[in-house]
Amino acid sequence: MKKIEAIIRPFKLDEVKIALVNAGIVGMTVSEVRGFGRQKGQTERYRGSEYTVEFLQKLKVEIVVEGVLQGQATLVRQHLIRVIAQSA
């Protein structure tokens, strides 16, 4: 059994889901998370005041590959990485 986790931008969820279904994955867990990295937050305005949002909204996608699909885990992981890299 192998667990694959990925942090993605919320608008990429449908694309990731389609890619996983096409790879034979029928289930996944999605959690709302916050984080920062290369994007380093963003400056926003609210009622005339400016503030910095340091932790941006993200989604954490988790899948578990077991049984027959374990042999394909590397291919699934590489495909998922390609889909996620396109969203960067």
Protein backbone atom coordinates (compact mmCIF):
# COMPACT_ATOMS: atom_id res chain seq x y z
CA MET A 1 0.00 0.00 0.00
CA LYS A 2 1.36 3.40 -0.98
CA LYS A 3 0.06 6.84 -0.03
CA ILE A 4 0.50 9.75 -2.41
CA GLU A 5 -0.09 13.32 -1.19
CA ALA A 6 -0.11 16.53 -3.21
CA ILE A 7 -0.79 20.17 -2.39
CA ILE A 8 -2.58 21.91 -5.27
CA ARG A 9 -4.30 25.18 -6.09
CA PRO A 10 -8.07 24.92 -5.58
CA PHE A 11 -8.97 25.61 -9.22
CA LYS A 12 -6.90 22.61 -10.38
CA LEU A 13 -8.97 20.05 -8.44
CA ASP A 14 -11.14 18.98 -11.38
CA GLU A 15 -8.11 18.51 -13.63
CA VAL A 16 -6.32 16.42 -10.99
CA LYS A 17 -9.46 14.34 -10.38
CA ILE A 18 -9.87 13.61 -14.11
CA ALA A 19 -6.18 12.65 -14.38
CA LEU A 20 -6.50 10.28 -11.42
CA VAL A 21 -9.69 8.67 -12.75
CA ASN A 22 -8.00 8.18 -16.14
CA ALA A 23 -5.10 6.51 -14.29
CA GLY A 24 -7.49 4.05 -12.62
CA ILE A 25 -7.82 5.74 -9.22
CA VAL A 26 -11.44 5.69 -8.04
CA GLY A 27 -11.16 7.51 -4.71
CA MET A 28 -9.28 10.34 -3.07
CA THR A 29 -9.41 12.52 0.02
CA VAL A 30 -9.33 16.30 -0.33
CA SER A 31 -8.61 18.65 2.60
CA GLU A 32 -8.50 22.44 2.72
CA VAL A 33 -5.09 23.64 3.90
CA ARG A 34 -3.13 26.89 3.99
CA GLY A 35 0.49 27.36 3.14
CA PHE A 36 3.19 29.50 1.61
CA GLY A 37 6.20 28.84 -0.54
CA ARG A 38 7.29 30.31 -3.84
CA GLN A 39 4.16 32.48 -3.99
CA LYS A 40 5.02 34.13 -0.63
CA GLY A 41 1.53 35.42 0.00
CA GLN A 42 -0.18 38.41 -1.54
CA THR A 43 -1.26 41.92 -0.61
CA GLU A 44 -5.01 42.57 -0.44
CA ARG A 45 -7.27 45.51 0.37
CA TYR A 46 -10.30 45.40 2.64
CA ARG A 47 -12.35 48.51 3.40
CA GLY A 48 -9.49 50.79 2.44
CA SER A 49 -6.89 48.98 4.56
CA GLU A 50 -4.07 47.04 3.02
CA TYR A 51 -2.93 43.75 4.54
CA THR A 52 -0.78 40.80 3.57
CA VAL A 53 -2.16 37.29 3.28
CA GLU A 54 0.84 35.12 4.13
CA PHE A 55 -0.83 31.72 4.03
CA LEU A 56 -2.69 31.02 0.79
CA GLN A 57 -5.64 28.65 0.36
CA LYS A 58 -4.59 25.27 -1.04
CA LEU A 59 -6.03 21.78 -1.29
CA LYS A 60 -4.31 18.62 -0.10
CA VAL A 61 -5.12 15.59 -2.25
CA GLU A 62 -4.42 12.16 -0.77
CA ILE A 63 -4.74 8.83 -2.54
CA VAL A 64 -3.87 5.32 -1.44
CA VAL A 65 -2.74 2.80 -4.04
CA GLU A 66 -3.00 -0.85 -3.11
CA GLY A 67 -3.02 -4.29 -4.65
CA VAL A 68 -2.69 -4.47 -8.43
CA LEU A 69 -2.25 -0.73 -8.78
CA GLN A 70 0.90 -0.75 -6.64
CA GLY A 71 2.91 -1.67 -9.70
CA GLN A 72 1.55 1.45 -11.34
CA ALA A 73 2.16 3.72 -8.32
CA THR A 74 5.27 5.26 -9.88
CA LEU A 75 3.43 6.00 -13.13
CA VAL A 76 0.46 7.48 -11.26
CA ARG A 77 2.78 9.61 -9.11
CA GLN A 78 4.67 10.87 -12.18
CA HIS A 79 1.40 11.68 -13.97
CA LEU A 80 0.06 13.51 -10.89
CA ILE A 81 3.31 15.47 -10.60
CA ARG A 82 3.00 16.51 -14.26
CA VAL A 83 -0.58 17.71 -13.74
CA ILE A 84 0.40 19.63 -10.60
CA ALA A 85 3.50 21.14 -12.22
CA GLN A 86 1.31 22.63 -14.94
CA SER A 87 -0.61 24.54 -12.26
CA ALA A 88 2.51 26.23 -10.85
